[in-house]
Amino acid sequence: MTEQTTIGEGGQRLSEEADIMRHQMDLLIADMEGIPRALVGSAGNSFSGAAAQLQERFGELMQWCSNNGLKLGDNQEAVNTAEVTSTEVLDQAGHNIGGLSRAVNA
């Protein structure tokens, strides 16, 4: 169970890091939105286009991660719950048949 807990904690940290990265990317994009106003001519338009593409690609990346199950902390929590439940069911089944079993050479 220690390995599962460690995997779950690692998945949770990964999820937290992804949230931090998303927040930092949002801050970067917000900072970039003011830059085109300071640039003269077509450079401002080009920069605006690049910033919009960056934002769009990052959104696509985050959507892909979400669609493909990269929320490891949540997934590992489900695995841990299934493990605990199956262990409890197996233990209960063992207790239920305990009186029915007999020694092999009896």
PDB file of N, CA and C in Angstrom:
ATOM      1  N   MET A   1       0.821  -1.185   0.000  1.00  0.00           N
ATOM      2  CA  MET A   1       0.000   0.000   0.000  1.00  0.00           C
ATOM      3  C   MET A   1       0.869   1.254   0.000  1.00  0.00           C
ATOM      4  N   THR A   2       2.098   1.149   0.510  1.00  0.00           N
ATOM      5  CA  THR A   2       2.989   2.309   0.543  1.00  0.00           C
ATOM      6  C   THR A   2       3.294   2.797  -0.862  1.00  0.00           C
ATOM      7  N   GLU A   3       3.539   1.852  -1.798  1.00  0.00           N
ATOM      8  CA  GLU A   3       3.822   2.247  -3.165  1.00  0.00           C
ATOM      9  C   GLU A   3       2.640   2.976  -3.780  1.00  0.00           C
ATOM     10  N   GLN A   4       1.434   2.480  -3.510  1.00  0.00           N
ATOM     11  CA  GLN A   4       0.235   3.113  -4.051  1.00  0.00           C
ATOM     12  C   GLN A   4       0.062   4.516  -3.490  1.00  0.00           C
ATOM     13  N   THR A   5       0.307   4.670  -2.203  1.00  0.00           N
ATOM     14  CA  THR A   5       0.195   5.989  -1.595  1.00  0.00           C
ATOM     15  C   THR A   5       1.218   6.932  -2.214  1.00  0.00           C
ATOM     16  N   THR A   6       2.434   6.445  -2.418  1.00  0.00           N
ATOM     17  CA  THR A   6       3.482   7.257  -3.034  1.00  0.00           C
ATOM     18  C   THR A   6       3.098   7.652  -4.453  1.00  0.00           C
ATOM     19  N   ILE A   7       2.560   6.716  -5.215  1.00  0.00           N
ATOM     20  CA  ILE A   7       2.117   7.029  -6.575  1.00  0.00           C
ATOM     21  C   ILE A   7       0.998   8.059  -6.524  1.00  0.00           C
ATOM     22  N   GLY A   8       0.071   7.888  -5.614  1.00  0.00           N
ATOM     23  CA  GLY A   8      -1.023   8.842  -5.474  1.00  0.00           C
ATOM     24  C   GLY A   8      -0.531  10.222  -5.116  1.00  0.00           C
ATOM     25  N   GLU A   9       0.426  10.286  -4.182  1.00  0.00           N
ATOM     26  CA  GLU A   9       0.990  11.580  -3.787  1.00  0.00           C
ATOM     27  C   GLU A   9       1.745  12.209  -4.957  1.00  0.00           C
ATOM     28  N   GLY A  10       2.470  11.403  -5.714  1.00  0.00           N
ATOM     29  CA  GLY A  10       3.184  11.917  -6.886  1.00  0.00           C
ATOM     30  C   GLY A  10       2.211  12.444  -7.926  1.00  0.00           C
ATOM     31  N   GLY A  11       1.143  11.732  -8.142  1.00  0.00           N
ATOM     32  CA  GLY A  11       0.123  12.182  -9.081  1.00  0.00           C
ATOM     33  C   GLY A  11      -0.530  13.471  -8.626  1.00  0.00           C
ATOM     34  N   GLN A  12      -0.769  13.569  -7.330  1.00  0.00           N
ATOM     35  CA  GLN A  12      -1.361  14.799  -6.795  1.00  0.00           C
ATOM     36  C   GLN A  12      -0.407  15.976  -6.962  1.00  0.00           C
ATOM     37  N   ARG A  13       0.889  15.752  -6.691  1.00  0.00           N
ATOM     38  CA  ARG A  13       1.878  16.830  -6.875  1.00  0.00           C
ATOM     39  C   ARG A  13       1.965  17.235  -8.340  1.00  0.00           C
ATOM     40  N   LEU A  14       1.897  16.261  -9.237  1.00  0.00           N
ATOM     41  CA  LEU A  14       1.924  16.555 -10.663  1.00  0.00           C
ATOM     42  C   LEU A  14       0.722  17.413 -11.056  1.00  0.00           C
ATOM     43  N   SER A  15      -0.425  17.071 -10.525  1.00  0.00           N
ATOM     44  CA  SER A  15      -1.633  17.847 -10.801  1.00  0.00           C
ATOM     45  C   SER A  15      -1.496  19.271 -10.268  1.00  0.00           C
ATOM     46  N   GLU A  16      -0.931  19.398  -9.069  1.00  0.00           N
ATOM     47  CA  GLU A  16      -0.721  20.730  -8.488  1.00  0.00           C
ATOM     48  C   GLU A  16       0.267  21.540  -9.336  1.00  0.00           C
ATOM     49  N   GLU A  17       1.331  20.888  -9.801  1.00  0.00           N
ATOM     50  CA  GLU A  17       2.304  21.576 -10.651  1.00  0.00           C
ATOM     51  C   GLU A  17       1.667  22.023 -11.968  1.00  0.00           C
ATOM     52  N   ALA A  18       0.782  21.201 -12.513  1.00  0.00           N
ATOM     53  CA  ALA A  18       0.086  21.573 -13.743  1.00  0.00           C
ATOM     54  C   ALA A  18      -0.794  22.799 -13.497  1.00  0.00           C
ATOM     55  N   ASP A  19      -1.450  22.847 -12.341  1.00  0.00           N
ATOM     56  CA  ASP A  19      -2.269  24.016 -12.002  1.00  0.00           C
ATOM     57  C   ASP A  19      -1.405  25.270 -11.875  1.00  0.00           C
ATOM     58  N   ILE A  20      -0.232  25.124 -11.267  1.00  0.00           N
ATOM     59  CA  ILE A  20       0.697  26.257 -11.132  1.00  0.00           C
ATOM     60  C   ILE A  20       1.157  26.717 -12.509  1.00  0.00           C
ATOM     61  N   MET A  21       1.500  25.747 -13.380  1.00  0.00           N
ATOM     62  CA  MET A  21       1.938  26.090 -14.729  1.00  0.00           C
ATOM     63  C   MET A  21       0.833  26.829 -15.471  1.00  0.00           C
ATOM     64  N   ARG A  22      -0.384  26.380 -15.323  1.00  0.00           N
ATOM     65  CA  ARG A  22      -1.523  27.044 -15.975  1.00  0.00           C
ATOM     66  C   ARG A  22      -1.654  28.473 -15.486  1.00  0.00           C
ATOM     67  N   HIS A  23      -1.530  28.660 -14.180  1.00  0.00           N
ATOM     68  CA  HIS A  23      -1.628  30.014 -13.607  1.00  0.00           C
ATOM     69  C   HIS A  23      -0.505  30.907 -14.138  1.00  0.00           C
ATOM     70  N   GLN A  24       0.724  30.378 -14.169  1.00  0.00           N
ATOM     71  CA  GLN A  24       1.849  31.159 -14.669  1.00  0.00           C
ATOM     72  C   GLN A  24       1.675  31.503 -16.151  1.00  0.00           C
ATOM     73  N   MET A  25       1.135  30.572 -16.919  1.00  0.00           N
ATOM     74  CA  MET A  25       0.894  30.839 -18.334  1.00  0.00           C
ATOM     75  C   MET A  25      -0.164  31.933 -18.486  1.00  0.00           C
ATOM     76  N   ASP A  26      -1.198  31.886 -17.667  1.00  0.00           N
ATOM     77  CA  ASP A  26      -2.225  32.932 -17.706  1.00  0.00           C
ATOM     78  C   ASP A  26      -1.622  34.299 -17.386  1.00  0.00           C
ATOM     79  N   LEU A  27      -0.709  34.340 -16.408  1.00  0.00           N
ATOM     80  CA  LEU A  27      -0.044  35.599 -16.070  1.00  0.00           C
ATOM     81  C   LEU A  27       0.824  36.095 -17.221  1.00  0.00           C
ATOM     82  N   LEU A  28       1.541  35.174 -17.861  1.00  0.00           N
ATOM     83  CA  LEU A  28       2.382  35.536 -18.998  1.00  0.00           C
ATOM     84  C   LEU A  28       1.541  36.126 -20.132  1.00  0.00           C
ATOM     85  N   ILE A  29       0.445  35.470 -20.422  1.00  0.00           N
ATOM     86  CA  ILE A  29      -0.433  35.951 -21.493  1.00  0.00           C
ATOM     87  C   ILE A  29      -1.004  37.315 -21.136  1.00  0.00           C
ATOM     88  N   ALA A  30      -1.393  37.506 -19.893  1.00  0.00           N
ATOM     89  CA  ALA A  30      -1.907  38.809 -19.463  1.00  0.00           C
ATOM     90  C   ALA A  30      -0.838  39.889 -19.628  1.00  0.00           C
ATOM     91  N   ASP A  31       0.408  39.559 -19.285  1.00  0.00           N
ATOM     92  CA  ASP A  31       1.506  40.518 -19.467  1.00  0.00           C
ATOM     93  C   ASP A  31       1.732  40.818 -20.943  1.00  0.00           C
ATOM     94  N   MET A  32       1.617  39.804 -21.772  1.00  0.00           N
ATOM     95  CA  MET A  32       1.878  39.970 -23.198  1.00  0.00           C
ATOM     96  C   MET A  32       0.807  40.828 -23.884  1.00  0.00           C
ATOM     97  N   GLU A  33      -0.390  40.861 -23.336  1.00  0.00           N
ATOM     98  CA  GLU A  33      -1.476  41.594 -23.981  1.00  0.00           C
ATOM     99  C   GLU A  33      -1.195  43.096 -24.083  1.00  0.00           C
ATOM    100  N   GLY A  34      -0.403  43.653 -23.166  1.00  0.00           N
ATOM    101  CA  GLY A  34      -0.095  45.070 -23.209  1.00  0.00           C
ATOM    102  C   GLY A  34       1.051  45.434 -24.133  1.00  0.00           C
ATOM    103  N   ILE A  35       1.861  44.471 -24.520  1.00  0.00           N
ATOM    104  CA  ILE A  35       3.055  44.746 -25.320  1.00  0.00           C
ATOM    105  C   ILE A  35       2.723  45.314 -26.704  1.00  0.00           C
ATOM    106  N   PRO A  36       1.734  44.790 -27.429  1.00  0.00           N
ATOM    107  CA  PRO A  36       1.483  45.321 -28.780  1.00  0.00           C
ATOM    108  C   PRO A  36       1.172  46.820 -28.804  1.00  0.00           C
ATOM    109  N   ARG A  37       0.573  47.331 -27.752  1.00  0.00           N
ATOM    110  CA  ARG A  37       0.274  48.768 -27.710  1.00  0.00           C
ATOM    111  C   ARG A  37       1.553  49.597 -27.667  1.00  0.00           C
ATOM    112  N   ALA A  38       2.610  49.017 -27.133  1.00  0.00           N
ATOM    113  CA  ALA A  38       3.885  49.738 -27.031  1.00  0.00           C
ATOM    114  C   ALA A  38       4.709  49.627 -28.307  1.00  0.00           C
ATOM    115  N   LEU A  39       4.388  48.687 -29.162  1.00  0.00           N
ATOM    116  CA  LEU A  39       5.134  48.501 -30.409  1.00  0.00           C
ATOM    117  C   LEU A  39       4.519  49.352 -31.518  1.00  0.00           C
ATOM    118  N   VAL A  40       5.344  49.775 -32.428  1.00  0.00           N
ATOM    119  CA  VAL A  40       4.907  50.649 -33.519  1.00  0.00           C
ATOM    120  C   VAL A  40       4.701  49.822 -34.789  1.00  0.00           C
ATOM    121  N   GLY A  41       3.641  50.106 -35.502  1.00  0.00           N
ATOM    122  CA  GLY A  41       3.423  49.518 -36.810  1.00  0.00           C
ATOM    123  C   GLY A  41       3.014  48.065 -36.773  1.00  0.00           C
ATOM    124  N   SER A  42       3.481  47.347 -37.792  1.00  0.00           N
ATOM    125  CA  SER A  42       3.074  45.951 -37.953  1.00  0.00           C
ATOM    126  C   SER A  42       3.667  45.033 -36.885  1.00  0.00           C
ATOM    127  N   ALA A  43       4.705  45.489 -36.213  1.00  0.00           N
ATOM    128  CA  ALA A  43       5.308  44.655 -35.164  1.00  0.00           C
ATOM    129  C   ALA A  43       4.288  44.360 -34.067  1.00  0.00           C
ATOM    130  N   GLY A  44       3.467  45.367 -33.729  1.00  0.00           N
ATOM    131  CA  GLY A  44       2.434  45.157 -32.706  1.00  0.00           C
ATOM    132  C   GLY A  44       1.416  44.126 -33.139  1.00  0.00           C
ATOM    133  N   ASN A  45       1.008  44.196 -34.418  1.00  0.00           N
ATOM    134  CA  ASN A  45       0.046  43.220 -34.936  1.00  0.00           C
ATOM    135  C   ASN A  45       0.639  41.819 -34.968  1.00  0.00           C
ATOM    136  N   SER A  46       1.897  41.729 -35.383  1.00  0.00           N
ATOM    137  CA  SER A  46       2.574  40.422 -35.424  1.00  0.00           C
ATOM    138  C   SER A  46       2.684  39.833 -34.029  1.00  0.00           C
ATOM    139  N   PHE A  47       3.042  40.667 -33.073  1.00  0.00           N
ATOM    140  CA  PHE A  47       3.174  40.189 -31.699  1.00  0.00           C
ATOM    141  C   PHE A  47       1.822  39.741 -31.164  1.00  0.00           C
ATOM    142  N   SER A  48       0.769  40.498 -31.461  1.00  0.00           N
ATOM    143  CA  SER A  48      -0.573  40.120 -31.025  1.00  0.00           C
ATOM    144  C   SER A  48      -0.949  38.752 -31.574  1.00  0.00           C
ATOM    145  N   GLY A  49      -0.654  38.528 -32.850  1.00  0.00           N
ATOM    146  CA  GLY A  49      -0.955  37.243 -33.466  1.00  0.00           C
ATOM    147  C   GLY A  49      -0.197  36.103 -32.821  1.00  0.00           C
ATOM    148  N   ALA A  50       1.068  36.331 -32.525  1.00  0.00           N
ATOM    149  CA  ALA A  50       1.889  35.298 -31.888  1.00  0.00           C
ATOM    150  C   ALA A  50       1.382  34.994 -30.486  1.00  0.00           C
ATOM    151  N   ALA A  51       1.013  36.026 -29.747  1.00  0.00           N
ATOM    152  CA  ALA A  51       0.501  35.826 -28.393  1.00  0.00           C
ATOM    153  C   ALA A  51      -0.810  35.045 -28.427  1.00  0.00           C
ATOM    154  N   ALA A  52      -1.670  35.359 -29.387  1.00  0.00           N
ATOM    155  CA  ALA A  52      -2.941  34.645 -29.517  1.00  0.00           C
ATOM    156  C   ALA A  52      -2.704  33.175 -29.854  1.00  0.00           C
ATOM    157  N   GLN A  53      -1.737  32.913 -30.737  1.00  0.00           N
ATOM    158  CA  GLN A  53      -1.426  31.525 -31.088  1.00  0.00           C
ATOM    159  C   GLN A  53      -0.850  30.769 -29.898  1.00  0.00           C
ATOM    160  N   LEU A  54      -0.003  31.427 -29.124  1.00  0.00           N
ATOM    161  CA  LEU A  54       0.554  30.801 -27.927  1.00  0.00           C
ATOM    162  C   LEU A  54      -0.567  30.423 -26.963  1.00  0.00           C
ATOM    163  N   GLN A  55      -1.464  31.331 -26.745  1.00  0.00           N
ATOM    164  CA  GLN A  55      -2.580  31.082 -25.843  1.00  0.00           C
ATOM    165  C   GLN A  55      -3.447  29.928 -26.356  1.00  0.00           C
ATOM    166  N   GLU A  56      -3.712  29.918 -27.649  1.00  0.00           N
ATOM    167  CA  GLU A  56      -4.537  28.863 -28.244  1.00  0.00           C
ATOM    168  C   GLU A  56      -3.853  27.496 -28.128  1.00  0.00           C
ATOM    169  N   ARG A  57      -2.559  27.435 -28.447  1.00  0.00           N
ATOM    170  CA  ARG A  57      -1.829  26.160 -28.366  1.00  0.00           C
ATOM    171  C   ARG A  57      -1.759  25.658 -26.923  1.00  0.00           C
ATOM    172  N   PHE A  58      -1.546  26.561 -25.977  1.00  0.00           N
ATOM    173  CA  PHE A  58      -1.489  26.140 -24.578  1.00  0.00           C
ATOM    174  C   PHE A  58      -2.849  25.601 -24.142  1.00  0.00           C
ATOM    175  N   GLY A  59      -3.910  26.265 -24.554  1.00  0.00           N
ATOM    176  CA  GLY A  59      -5.254  25.772 -24.249  1.00  0.00           C
ATOM    177  C   GLY A  59      -5.491  24.384 -24.820  1.00  0.00           C
ATOM    178  N   GLU A  60      -5.019  24.165 -26.050  1.00  0.00           N
ATOM    179  CA  GLU A  60      -5.142  22.847 -26.671  1.00  0.00           C
ATOM    180  C   GLU A  60      -4.354  21.792 -25.901  1.00  0.00           C
ATOM    181  N   LEU A  61      -3.151  22.158 -25.455  1.00  0.00           N
ATOM    182  CA  LEU A  61      -2.335  21.233 -24.669  1.00  0.00           C
ATOM    183  C   LEU A  61      -3.041  20.842 -23.376  1.00  0.00           C
ATOM    184  N   MET A  62      -3.577  21.826 -22.675  1.00  0.00           N
ATOM    185  CA  MET A  62      -4.263  21.536 -21.416  1.00  0.00           C
ATOM    186  C   MET A  62      -5.516  20.700 -21.660  1.00  0.00           C
ATOM    187  N   GLN A  63      -6.221  20.958 -22.750  1.00  0.00           N
ATOM    188  CA  GLN A  63      -7.405  20.167 -23.085  1.00  0.00           C
ATOM    189  C   GLN A  63      -7.013  18.732 -23.416  1.00  0.00           C
ATOM    190  N   TRP A  64      -5.913  18.559 -24.175  1.00  0.00           N
ATOM    191  CA  TRP A  64      -5.449  17.218 -24.505  1.00  0.00           C
ATOM    192  C   TRP A  64      -5.109  16.446 -23.235  1.00  0.00           C
ATOM    193  N   CYS A  65      -4.407  17.107 -22.332  1.00  0.00           N
ATOM    194  CA  CYS A  65      -4.038  16.450 -21.069  1.00  0.00           C
ATOM    195  C   CYS A  65      -5.282  16.021 -20.297  1.00  0.00           C
ATOM    196  N   SER A  66      -6.246  16.904 -20.250  1.00  0.00           N
ATOM    197  CA  SER A  66      -7.491  16.601 -19.537  1.00  0.00           C
ATOM    198  C   SER A  66      -8.228  15.445 -20.208  1.00  0.00           C
ATOM    199  N   ASN A  67      -8.332  15.480 -21.543  1.00  0.00           N
ATOM    200  CA  ASN A  67      -9.041  14.439 -22.278  1.00  0.00           C
ATOM    201  C   ASN A  67      -8.363  13.082 -22.179  1.00  0.00           C
ATOM    202  N   ASN A  68      -7.059  13.073 -22.011  1.00  0.00           N
ATOM    203  CA  ASN A  68      -6.317  11.816 -21.996  1.00  0.00           C
ATOM    204  C   ASN A  68      -5.980  11.335 -20.597  1.00  0.00           C
ATOM    205  N   GLY A  69      -6.684  11.813 -19.618  1.00  0.00           N
ATOM    206  CA  GLY A  69      -6.577  11.260 -18.280  1.00  0.00           C
ATOM    207  C   GLY A  69      -5.304  11.587 -17.538  1.00  0.00           C
ATOM    208  N   LEU A  70      -4.744  12.751 -17.741  1.00  0.00           N
ATOM    209  CA  LEU A  70      -3.511  13.084 -17.053  1.00  0.00           C
ATOM    210  C   LEU A  70      -3.757  13.702 -15.682  1.00  0.00           C
ATOM    211  N   LYS A  71      -4.915  13.489 -15.164  1.00  0.00           N
ATOM    212  CA  LYS A  71      -5.196  13.912 -13.796  1.00  0.00           C
ATOM    213  C   LYS A  71      -4.842  12.715 -12.901  1.00  0.00           C
ATOM    214  N   LEU A  72      -3.562  12.501 -12.755  1.00  0.00           N
ATOM    215  CA  LEU A  72      -3.055  11.285 -12.112  1.00  0.00           C
ATOM    216  C   LEU A  72      -3.468  11.160 -10.655  1.00  0.00           C
ATOM    217  N   GLY A  73      -3.528  12.266  -9.957  1.00  0.00           N
ATOM    218  CA  GLY A  73      -3.928  12.205  -8.553  1.00  0.00           C
ATOM    219  C   GLY A  73      -5.326  11.651  -8.410  1.00  0.00           C
ATOM    220  N   ASP A  74      -6.251  12.129  -9.230  1.00  0.00           N
ATOM    221  CA  ASP A  74      -7.627  11.643  -9.181  1.00  0.00           C
ATOM    222  C   ASP A  74      -7.697  10.179  -9.566  1.00  0.00           C
ATOM    223  N   ASN A  75      -6.975   9.806 -10.623  1.00  0.00           N
ATOM    224  CA  ASN A  75      -6.984   8.414 -11.064  1.00  0.00           C
ATOM    225  C   ASN A  75      -6.393   7.490 -10.001  1.00  0.00           C
ATOM    226  N   GLN A  76      -5.303   7.915  -9.383  1.00  0.00           N
ATOM    227  CA  GLN A  76      -4.682   7.073  -8.373  1.00  0.00           C
ATOM    228  C   GLN A  76      -5.580   6.943  -7.150  1.00  0.00           C
ATOM    229  N   GLU A  77      -6.297   7.993  -6.821  1.00  0.00           N
ATOM    230  CA  GLU A  77      -7.233   7.927  -5.696  1.00  0.00           C
ATOM    231  C   GLU A  77      -8.300   6.869  -5.966  1.00  0.00           C
ATOM    232  N   ALA A  78      -8.782   6.791  -7.199  1.00  0.00           N
ATOM    233  CA  ALA A  78      -9.769   5.768  -7.568  1.00  0.00           C
ATOM    234  C   ALA A  78      -9.164   4.371  -7.452  1.00  0.00           C
ATOM    235  N   VAL A  79      -7.913   4.212  -7.880  1.00  0.00           N
ATOM    236  CA  VAL A  79      -7.234   2.917  -7.759  1.00  0.00           C
ATOM    237  C   VAL A  79      -7.080   2.539  -6.287  1.00  0.00           C
ATOM    238  N   ASN A  80      -6.686   3.490  -5.455  1.00  0.00           N
ATOM    239  CA  ASN A  80      -6.522   3.215  -4.024  1.00  0.00           C
ATOM    240  C   ASN A  80      -7.838   2.806  -3.385  1.00  0.00           C
ATOM    241  N   THR A  81      -8.913   3.495  -3.747  1.00  0.00           N
ATOM    242  CA  THR A  81     -10.231   3.156  -3.202  1.00  0.00           C
ATOM    243  C   THR A  81     -10.629   1.744  -3.614  1.00  0.00           C
ATOM    244  N   ALA A  82     -10.401   1.392  -4.880  1.00  0.00           N
ATOM    245  CA  ALA A  82     -10.711   0.047  -5.353  1.00  0.00           C
ATOM    246  C   ALA A  82      -9.875  -1.000  -4.620  1.00  0.00           C
ATOM    247  N   GLU A  83      -8.614  -0.687  -4.353  1.00  0.00           N
ATOM    248  CA  GLU A  83      -7.727  -1.610  -3.630  1.00  0.00           C
ATOM    249  C   GLU A  83      -8.232  -1.855  -2.215  1.00  0.00           C
ATOM    250  N   VAL A  84      -8.586  -0.780  -1.532  1.00  0.00           N
ATOM    251  CA  VAL A  84      -9.083  -0.909  -0.154  1.00  0.00           C
ATOM    252  C   VAL A  84     -10.382  -1.706  -0.141  1.00  0.00           C
ATOM    253  N   THR A  85     -11.278  -1.383  -1.056  1.00  0.00           N
ATOM    254  CA  THR A  85     -12.564  -2.082  -1.119  1.00  0.00           C
ATOM    255  C   THR A  85     -12.370  -3.562  -1.411  1.00  0.00           C
ATOM    256  N   SER A  86     -11.522  -3.899  -2.373  1.00  0.00           N
ATOM    257  CA  SER A  86     -11.309  -5.302  -2.713  1.00  0.00           C
ATOM    258  C   SER A  86     -10.642  -6.055  -1.567  1.00  0.00           C
ATOM    259  N   THR A  87      -9.746  -5.400  -0.850  1.00  0.00           N
ATOM    260  CA  THR A  87      -9.104  -6.030   0.308  1.00  0.00           C
ATOM    261  C   THR A  87     -10.134  -6.322   1.389  1.00  0.00           C
ATOM    262  N   GLU A  88     -11.016  -5.367   1.632  1.00  0.00           N
ATOM    263  CA  GLU A  88     -12.071  -5.566   2.639  1.00  0.00           C
ATOM    264  C   GLU A  88     -13.000  -6.706   2.238  1.00  0.00           C
ATOM    265  N   VAL A  89     -13.363  -6.768   0.954  1.00  0.00           N
ATOM    266  CA  VAL A  89     -14.243  -7.838   0.464  1.00  0.00           C
ATOM    267  C   VAL A  89     -13.552  -9.189   0.609  1.00  0.00           C
ATOM    268  N   LEU A  90     -12.277  -9.256   0.253  1.00  0.00           N
ATOM    269  CA  LEU A  90     -11.526 -10.506   0.378  1.00  0.00           C
ATOM    270  C   LEU A  90     -11.406 -10.937   1.839  1.00  0.00           C
ATOM    271  N   ASP A  91     -11.113  -9.992   2.722  1.00  0.00           N
ATOM    272  CA  ASP A  91     -11.026 -10.308   4.148  1.00  0.00           C
ATOM    273  C   ASP A  91     -12.354 -10.831   4.677  1.00  0.00           C
ATOM    274  N   GLN A  92     -13.439 -10.199   4.291  1.00  0.00           N
ATOM    275  CA  GLN A  92     -14.767 -10.630   4.740  1.00  0.00           C
ATOM    276  C   GLN A  92     -15.088 -12.020   4.207  1.00  0.00           C
ATOM    277  N   ALA A  93     -14.745 -12.270   2.954  1.00  0.00           N
ATOM    278  CA  ALA A  93     -14.987 -13.591   2.374  1.00  0.00           C
ATOM    279  C   ALA A  93     -14.181 -14.653   3.113  1.00  0.00           C
ATOM    280  N   GLY A  94     -12.945 -14.314   3.477  1.00  0.00           N
ATOM    281  CA  GLY A  94     -12.116 -15.248   4.236  1.00  0.00           C
ATOM    282  C   GLY A  94     -12.714 -15.562   5.594  1.00  0.00           C
ATOM    283  N   HIS A  95     -13.274 -14.553   6.242  1.00  0.00           N
ATOM    284  CA  HIS A  95     -13.919 -14.773   7.544  1.00  0.00           C
ATOM    285  C   HIS A  95     -15.192 -15.606   7.380  1.00  0.00           C
ATOM    286  N   ASN A  96     -15.932 -15.386   6.303  1.00  0.00           N
ATOM    287  CA  ASN A  96     -17.186 -16.103   6.083  1.00  0.00           C
ATOM    288  C   ASN A  96     -16.956 -17.575   5.825  1.00  0.00           C
ATOM    289  N   ILE A  97     -15.869 -17.938   5.147  1.00  0.00           N
ATOM    290  CA  ILE A  97     -15.632 -19.358   4.859  1.00  0.00           C
ATOM    291  C   ILE A  97     -14.692 -19.994   5.862  1.00  0.00           C
ATOM    292  N   GLY A  98     -14.241 -19.236   6.848  1.00  0.00           N
ATOM    293  CA  GLY A  98     -13.288 -19.765   7.816  1.00  0.00           C
ATOM    294  C   GLY A  98     -13.787 -21.033   8.507  1.00  0.00           C
ATOM    295  N   GLY A  99     -15.047 -21.086   8.856  1.00  0.00           N
ATOM    296  CA  GLY A  99     -15.609 -22.265   9.534  1.00  0.00           C
ATOM    297  C   GLY A  99     -15.823 -23.425   8.600  1.00  0.00           C
ATOM    298  N   LEU A 100     -15.859 -23.192   7.325  1.00  0.00           N
ATOM    299  CA  LEU A 100     -16.095 -24.246   6.350  1.00  0.00           C
ATOM    300  C   LEU A 100     -14.832 -24.966   5.927  1.00  0.00           C
ATOM    301  N   SER A 101     -13.715 -24.333   6.119  1.00  0.00           N
ATOM    302  CA  SER A 101     -12.471 -24.948   5.652  1.00  0.00           C
ATOM    303  C   SER A 101     -11.972 -25.982   6.651  1.00  0.00           C
ATOM    304  N   ARG A 102     -11.234 -26.926   6.142  1.00  0.00           N
ATOM    305  CA  ARG A 102     -10.647 -27.950   7.004  1.00  0.00           C
ATOM    306  C   ARG A 102      -9.216 -28.193   6.546  1.00  0.00           C
ATOM    307  N   ALA A 103      -8.445 -28.791   7.359  1.00  0.00           N
ATOM    308  CA  ALA A 103      -7.069 -29.084   7.020  1.00  0.00           C
ATOM    309  C   ALA A 103      -7.039 -30.063   5.842  1.00  0.00           C
ATOM    310  N   VAL A 104      -6.007 -30.006   5.033  1.00  0.00           N
ATOM    311  CA  VAL A 104      -5.903 -30.857   3.850  1.00  0.00           C
ATOM    312  C   VAL A 104      -5.843 -32.333   4.212  1.00  0.00           C
ATOM    313  N   ASN A 105      -5.113 -32.697   5.255  1.00  0.00           N
ATOM    314  CA  ASN A 105      -4.938 -34.101   5.622  1.00  0.00           C
ATOM    315  C   ASN A 105      -5.856 -34.527   6.761  1.00  0.00           C
ATOM    316  N   ALA A 106      -6.937 -33.783   6.986  1.00  0.00           N
ATOM    317  CA  ALA A 106      -7.808 -34.134   8.130  1.00  0.00           C
ATOM    318  C   ALA A 106      -8.788 -35.199   7.776  1.00  0.00           C
TER     319      ALA A 106
END
